[in-house]
Protein backbone atom coordinates (compact mmCIF):
# COMPACT_ATOMS: atom_id res chain seq x y z
CA MET A 1 -50.50 86.11 86.14
CA GLN A 2 -53.77 85.92 88.07
CA SER A 3 -52.12 86.27 91.50
CA ALA A 4 -50.04 89.23 90.29
CA LEU A 5 -53.10 91.07 88.98
CA HIS A 6 -55.06 90.22 92.12
CA ALA A 7 -52.24 91.55 94.32
CA LEU A 8 -51.97 94.80 92.38
CA ALA A 9 -55.72 95.36 92.10
CA ASP A 10 -56.02 96.54 95.69
CA PRO A 11 -55.11 100.20 96.43
CA VAL A 12 -53.74 99.30 99.89
CA ARG A 13 -51.34 96.79 98.37
CA ARG A 14 -50.24 99.29 95.74
CA LEU A 15 -49.56 101.76 98.56
CA ILE A 16 -47.48 99.13 100.38
CA ILE A 17 -45.49 98.48 97.19
CA ARG A 18 -44.81 102.20 96.70
CA GLN A 19 -43.71 102.66 100.32
CA VAL A 20 -41.31 99.70 100.11
CA ALA A 21 -39.98 100.94 96.76
CA ALA A 22 -39.27 104.35 98.30
CA SER A 23 -37.04 102.79 100.99
CA PRO A 24 -33.65 101.11 100.68
CA GLU A 25 -33.83 97.31 100.62
CA TRP A 26 -34.39 95.62 103.96
CA THR A 27 -35.02 98.88 105.85
CA LYS A 28 -38.83 99.20 105.78
CA ALA A 29 -40.16 97.39 108.84
CA CYS A 30 -43.75 96.15 108.93
CA GLY A 31 -44.64 98.42 111.85
CA THR A 32 -43.57 101.57 109.99
CA PHE A 33 -46.14 101.65 107.19
CA ASP A 34 -48.46 104.65 107.13
CA ILE A 35 -51.59 102.79 106.08
CA PRO A 36 -55.01 103.19 107.74
CA VAL A 37 -55.86 99.50 108.27
CA SER A 38 -55.67 97.14 111.23
CA LYS A 39 -52.55 95.04 111.89
CA SER A 40 -54.36 91.85 110.89
CA THR A 41 -55.52 93.38 107.62
CA LEU A 42 -52.03 94.66 106.92
CA SER A 43 -50.67 91.15 107.57
CA HIS A 44 -53.14 89.78 105.04
CA HIS A 45 -51.96 92.29 102.44
CA PHE A 46 -48.32 91.34 103.08
CA ALA A 47 -49.22 87.66 102.56
CA VAL A 48 -50.92 88.39 99.23
CA LEU A 49 -47.92 90.40 98.05
CA ARG A 50 -45.51 87.63 99.10
CA GLU A 51 -47.58 84.97 97.32
CA ALA A 52 -47.58 87.07 94.15
CA GLY A 53 -43.79 87.34 94.26
CA LEU A 54 -43.75 91.09 94.83
CA LEU A 55 -42.49 91.22 98.38
CA GLU A 56 -39.86 89.40 100.39
CA GLN A 57 -39.71 89.61 104.17
CA ARG A 58 -37.14 88.57 106.74
CA ASP A 59 -36.86 88.86 110.50
CA GLU A 60 -34.13 91.03 112.00
CA GLY A 61 -34.30 90.75 115.74
CA THR A 62 -37.76 91.84 116.79
CA ARG A 63 -38.51 93.53 113.46
CA ARG A 64 -39.72 92.09 110.17
CA VAL A 65 -38.28 94.02 107.25
CA ASN A 66 -39.29 94.09 103.60
CA ARG A 67 -37.73 94.10 100.17
CA LEU A 68 -39.49 94.72 96.89
CA ARG A 69 -38.65 91.93 94.46
CA ALA A 70 -38.58 94.40 91.58
CA ALA A 71 -36.02 92.64 89.35
CA GLU A 72 -37.63 89.21 89.76
CA PHE A 73 -41.17 90.50 89.25
CA GLY A 74 -40.08 92.69 86.33
CA ALA A 75 -38.53 89.68 84.59
CA ARG A 76 -41.87 87.84 84.81
CA PHE A 77 -44.10 90.82 84.02
CA PRO A 78 -42.08 93.49 82.19
CA GLY A 79 -43.36 97.03 82.80
CA LEU A 80 -46.17 96.12 85.20
CA LEU A 81 -44.40 97.21 88.38
CA ASP A 82 -43.22 100.40 86.66
CA LEU A 83 -46.85 101.29 85.95
CA VAL A 84 -47.81 100.77 89.59
CA LEU A 85 -44.92 102.89 90.85
CA ALA A 86 -45.61 105.64 88.30
CA GLU A 87 -49.29 105.71 89.30
CA GLY A 88 -48.40 106.89 92.80
CA ALA A 89 -46.03 109.54 91.46
CA GLU A 90 -48.68 111.28 89.40
CA PRO A 91 -49.89 114.50 91.05
CA GLY A 92 -53.61 114.34 91.72
CA SER A 93 -53.81 110.64 90.90
CA GLY A 94 -56.80 110.54 93.21
CA GLU A 95 -55.98 107.12 94.62
CA LYS A 96 -56.65 106.78 98.30
CA ALA A 97 -55.96 103.87 100.56
CA ALA A 98 -58.87 101.74 101.60
CA GLY A 99 -59.88 102.64 105.08
CA ALA A 100 -60.18 106.35 104.42
CA ASP A 101 -63.75 105.78 103.27
CA GLY A 102 -64.59 103.21 105.93
CA VAL A 103 -63.52 100.16 103.93
CA ASP A 104 -60.56 98.34 105.39
CA GLY A 105 -59.73 96.20 102.38
CA ALA A 106 -60.43 92.93 104.18
CA GLY A 107 -62.81 90.55 102.65
């Protein structure tokens, strides 16, 4: 439970989750995310999401692609992922990715 809440507490990681959820499985490559953080910081966020059981990654040639583990995560924490995905769909939710205000989410 703690790692799931930690993973979802960060606005950058919630943005990653929403971008993966908006793409068909195994089509969202790591280099295609529109997130204002460095590559190393983005890699850290991917690792946290993998450890929490939210994200699965695999290599396809020179690309690393992602899949949201929605069914698996939802079985462990019913409704939690739905809340995260709905949060991004709300007009004027006011959430912005870290980095826009000079904070890169690392640390």
